[in-house]
Amino acid sequence: MAKVAEIKQENIIRSAINIFAEKGLEQASMEAIAKQAEVSKRTLYKYYPTKDSLFSVIVDRLLDGCKVMKTLTFDPNLEIRSQLVAIAQKEVTLLCQTEFLSLSRMVMTECIRSNVIANIMLERLQNLEGGYSFEQWIENANAADKLTVPHPQIAAEQFFASLKAVVFWPQILMHQPIASEQQQQLAITCAVDQFLAAYMPKKNSKRRLLI
């Protein structure tokens, strides 16, 4: 069972997300956050001394979600398609989380408002790229002669962009509801089919008809 202190901090973070999204970091007040979280200002400052420290915690939560894509391991003994489907499913599951969408919308809005925050986010995202990423997965698939991808970084970005076009950007920009299970699976199938059509050596390719 969650402790009272943990519940208070969670309420504070969720309230801060709402207030930052509505007012922006500069115009948001700690008083408004405390009021919405139903805690005293003293309690708020006990956990988060400044707005910047609170915003940093929110950004960390967003980036923690992204870390799920740092654990990709290429297996030359498994079918390429099944591995791609698993990678796409992992990404779509993250993108379709209500909290992740809310965090992403708030942080992106703040990046648009402030060049300083945008630069900070860029630096932190770059530091996040140190793990075993999809780009590295592609490079290993190339080395195993399972794929022929001349530009792994661009290919990785295109793969995820095709997923986000269905399950992320409509929700972020147009406030559409979270993609249905059918929409998620269609996005995954199309992204994988397009990737394989472009990069799998012809001798290994299995053509599929998209319905």
Protein backbone atom coordinates (compact mmCIF):
# COMPACT_ATOMS: atom_id res chain seq x y z
CA MET A 1 0.00 0.00 0.00
CA ALA A 2 1.35 3.42 -0.95
CA LYS A 3 2.60 5.62 1.86
CA VAL A 4 1.01 9.01 2.54
CA ALA A 5 4.21 10.80 1.48
CA GLU A 6 4.25 8.94 -1.84
CA ILE A 7 0.61 9.79 -2.49
CA LYS A 8 1.27 13.47 -1.73
CA GLN A 9 4.23 13.56 -4.12
CA GLU A 10 2.23 11.86 -6.85
CA ASN A 11 -0.60 14.37 -6.41
CA ILE A 12 1.91 17.22 -6.58
CA ILE A 13 3.49 15.91 -9.79
CA ARG A 14 0.14 15.37 -11.49
CA SER A 15 -1.03 18.83 -10.45
CA ALA A 16 2.21 20.36 -11.69
CA ILE A 17 1.75 18.68 -15.07
CA ASN A 18 -1.71 20.22 -15.37
CA ILE A 19 -0.63 23.67 -14.22
CA PHE A 20 2.52 23.74 -16.38
CA ALA A 21 0.52 22.63 -19.41
CA GLU A 22 -2.07 25.35 -18.83
CA LYS A 23 0.09 28.26 -17.68
CA GLY A 24 3.61 27.41 -18.80
CA LEU A 25 6.59 27.05 -16.48
CA GLU A 26 7.21 30.80 -16.17
CA GLN A 27 3.61 31.77 -15.35
CA ALA A 28 2.78 28.77 -13.17
CA SER A 29 2.88 29.36 -9.42
CA MET A 30 3.81 26.99 -6.65
CA GLU A 31 0.73 28.23 -4.80
CA ALA A 32 -1.55 27.07 -7.62
CA ILE A 33 0.17 23.68 -7.73
CA ALA A 34 -0.19 23.24 -3.96
CA LYS A 35 -3.86 24.20 -4.11
CA GLN A 36 -4.67 21.73 -6.89
CA ALA A 37 -2.66 18.98 -5.15
CA GLU A 38 -4.49 19.76 -1.89
CA VAL A 39 -1.29 20.12 0.09
CA SER A 40 0.15 23.05 2.00
CA LYS A 41 2.84 25.23 0.43
CA ARG A 42 5.14 24.09 3.21
CA THR A 43 4.63 20.46 2.19
CA LEU A 44 5.19 21.32 -1.47
CA TYR A 45 8.47 23.12 -0.77
CA LYS A 46 9.56 20.26 1.46
CA TYR A 47 9.58 17.92 -1.53
CA TYR A 48 10.32 20.40 -4.31
CA PRO A 49 12.14 23.62 -3.32
CA THR A 50 11.65 25.31 -6.71
CA LYS A 51 9.52 25.08 -9.85
CA ASP A 52 12.64 24.05 -11.76
CA SER A 53 13.23 21.09 -9.44
CA LEU A 54 9.62 20.01 -9.89
CA PHE A 55 9.83 20.36 -13.66
CA SER A 56 13.07 18.33 -13.64
CA VAL A 57 11.30 15.47 -11.85
CA ILE A 58 8.57 15.52 -14.48
CA VAL A 59 11.13 15.41 -17.29
CA ASP A 60 12.91 12.51 -15.56
CA ARG A 61 9.63 10.60 -15.45
CA LEU A 62 9.16 11.14 -19.17
CA LEU A 63 12.71 10.03 -19.96
CA ASP A 64 12.38 6.98 -17.71
CA GLY A 65 9.62 5.81 -20.03
CA CYS A 66 11.93 6.19 -23.01
CA LYS A 67 14.54 3.93 -21.41
CA VAL A 68 12.45 0.89 -22.31
CA MET A 69 13.90 1.21 -25.82
CA LYS A 70 17.49 1.00 -24.55
CA THR A 71 17.31 -2.75 -23.96
CA LEU A 72 16.94 -3.96 -27.54
CA THR A 73 19.08 -6.98 -28.35
CA PHE A 74 19.43 -8.37 -31.86
CA ASP A 75 19.19 -12.17 -32.06
CA PRO A 76 20.49 -13.61 -35.35
CA ASN A 77 18.65 -16.87 -34.65
CA LEU A 78 15.19 -15.27 -34.51
CA GLU A 79 13.10 -14.21 -37.47
CA ILE A 80 13.64 -10.54 -38.36
CA ARG A 81 9.92 -9.86 -38.69
CA SER A 82 9.07 -11.21 -35.24
CA GLN A 83 11.84 -9.11 -33.68
CA LEU A 84 10.62 -5.97 -35.45
CA VAL A 85 7.05 -6.64 -34.35
CA ALA A 86 8.22 -6.99 -30.74
CA ILE A 87 10.18 -3.73 -30.95
CA ALA A 88 7.23 -1.91 -32.49
CA GLN A 89 4.86 -3.32 -29.87
CA LYS A 90 7.13 -2.12 -27.07
CA GLU A 91 7.22 1.38 -28.56
CA VAL A 92 3.47 1.52 -29.19
CA THR A 93 2.69 0.33 -25.66
CA LEU A 94 4.76 3.24 -24.31
CA LEU A 95 3.26 5.81 -26.68
CA CYS A 96 -0.28 4.78 -25.81
CA GLN A 97 0.07 5.30 -22.07
CA THR A 98 -2.09 8.18 -20.87
CA GLU A 99 0.60 9.52 -18.54
CA PHE A 100 3.28 9.38 -21.22
CA LEU A 101 1.07 11.34 -23.62
CA SER A 102 0.31 13.96 -20.97
CA LEU A 103 3.97 14.32 -20.04
CA SER A 104 5.04 14.53 -23.67
CA ARG A 105 2.47 17.21 -24.50
CA MET A 106 3.44 19.31 -21.50
CA VAL A 107 7.20 19.06 -22.04
CA MET A 108 6.92 19.74 -25.78
CA THR A 109 4.76 22.78 -25.13
CA GLU A 110 7.35 24.09 -22.68
CA CYS A 111 10.15 23.47 -25.18
CA ILE A 112 8.28 25.60 -27.73
CA ARG A 113 7.87 28.38 -25.17
CA SER A 114 11.48 28.37 -23.99
CA ASN A 115 14.68 27.95 -26.01
CA VAL A 116 16.60 27.31 -22.78
CA ILE A 117 14.37 24.40 -21.81
CA ALA A 118 14.49 23.07 -25.37
CA ASN A 119 18.30 22.97 -25.23
CA ILE A 120 18.24 21.25 -21.84
CA MET A 121 15.83 18.62 -23.16
CA LEU A 122 17.96 18.06 -26.25
CA GLU A 123 21.04 17.47 -24.10
CA ARG A 124 19.23 15.04 -21.83
CA LEU A 125 17.76 13.14 -24.75
CA GLN A 126 21.21 12.83 -26.31
CA ASN A 127 22.56 11.43 -23.05
CA LEU A 128 19.74 8.90 -23.11
CA GLU A 129 20.96 7.53 -26.44
CA GLY A 130 23.94 5.76 -24.89
CA GLY A 131 22.17 2.41 -24.56
CA TYR A 132 21.54 -0.49 -26.91
CA SER A 133 19.19 1.35 -29.25
CA PHE A 134 17.22 0.36 -32.32
CA GLU A 135 19.93 1.94 -34.43
CA GLN A 136 22.45 -0.47 -32.90
CA TRP A 137 20.00 -3.33 -33.44
CA ILE A 138 19.89 -2.44 -37.14
CA GLU A 139 23.67 -2.27 -37.37
CA ASN A 140 23.94 -5.75 -35.87
CA ALA A 141 21.31 -7.05 -38.28
CA ASN A 142 23.39 -5.56 -41.11
CA ALA A 143 26.50 -7.31 -39.81
CA ALA A 144 24.63 -10.62 -39.71
CA ASP A 145 23.52 -10.12 -43.35
CA LYS A 146 19.87 -10.14 -42.25
CA LEU A 147 19.26 -6.57 -43.41
CA THR A 148 20.78 -4.12 -45.86
CA VAL A 149 20.34 -0.69 -44.30
CA PRO A 150 22.73 2.00 -45.63
CA HIS A 151 21.73 4.61 -43.05
CA PRO A 152 20.66 2.94 -39.75
CA GLN A 153 19.92 6.19 -37.91
CA ILE A 154 17.55 7.46 -40.60
CA ALA A 155 15.92 4.05 -40.94
CA ALA A 156 15.32 3.89 -37.18
CA GLU A 157 13.77 7.36 -37.14
CA GLN A 158 11.53 6.50 -40.09
CA PHE A 159 10.36 3.28 -38.44
CA PHE A 160 9.30 5.02 -35.24
CA ALA A 161 7.88 7.98 -37.16
CA SER A 162 5.49 5.67 -39.00
CA LEU A 163 4.21 4.37 -35.65
CA LYS A 164 3.89 7.84 -34.13
CA ALA A 165 1.87 9.03 -37.12
CA VAL A 166 -0.96 6.78 -35.92
CA VAL A 167 -0.60 6.38 -32.14
CA PHE A 168 1.14 9.55 -30.95
CA TRP A 169 0.91 12.74 -33.02
CA PRO A 170 -2.89 12.71 -33.50
CA GLN A 171 -3.25 12.35 -29.73
CA ILE A 172 -0.66 15.04 -28.96
CA LEU A 173 -1.63 17.63 -31.55
CA MET A 174 -5.36 17.03 -32.04
CA HIS A 175 -6.27 15.48 -28.67
CA GLN A 176 -7.68 12.37 -30.31
CA PRO A 177 -8.40 9.39 -28.04
CA ILE A 178 -5.73 6.77 -27.47
CA ALA A 179 -5.43 4.51 -30.50
CA SER A 180 -7.58 1.40 -30.34
CA GLU A 181 -6.04 -2.05 -30.26
CA GLN A 182 -6.95 -2.49 -33.92
CA GLN A 183 -5.30 0.80 -34.86
CA GLN A 184 -2.20 -0.10 -32.87
CA GLN A 185 -1.82 -3.47 -34.58
CA LEU A 186 -2.40 -1.96 -38.03
CA ALA A 187 0.26 0.66 -37.35
CA ILE A 188 2.71 -2.05 -36.28
CA THR A 189 1.99 -4.23 -39.32
CA CYS A 190 2.37 -1.35 -41.77
CA ALA A 191 5.59 -0.10 -40.14
CA VAL A 192 7.17 -3.56 -40.18
CA ASP A 193 6.06 -4.31 -43.75
CA GLN A 194 7.42 -0.99 -45.02
CA PHE A 195 10.72 -1.50 -43.20
CA LEU A 196 11.23 -5.00 -44.55
CA ALA A 197 10.22 -4.02 -48.07
CA ALA A 198 12.91 -1.33 -48.02
CA TYR A 199 15.74 -3.08 -46.21
CA MET A 200 15.49 -6.87 -46.23
CA PRO A 201 17.74 -8.51 -48.84
CA LYS A 202 15.56 -9.80 -51.67
CA LYS A 203 16.70 -13.40 -51.19
CA ASN A 204 15.25 -13.36 -47.65
CA SER A 205 12.18 -11.28 -48.25
CA LYS A 206 8.67 -12.67 -48.01
CA ARG A 207 6.19 -10.47 -49.78
CA ARG A 208 2.92 -9.75 -48.05
CA LEU A 209 -0.16 -8.05 -49.36
CA LEU A 210 -1.38 -5.18 -47.21
CA ILE A 211 -5.13 -5.26 -46.74
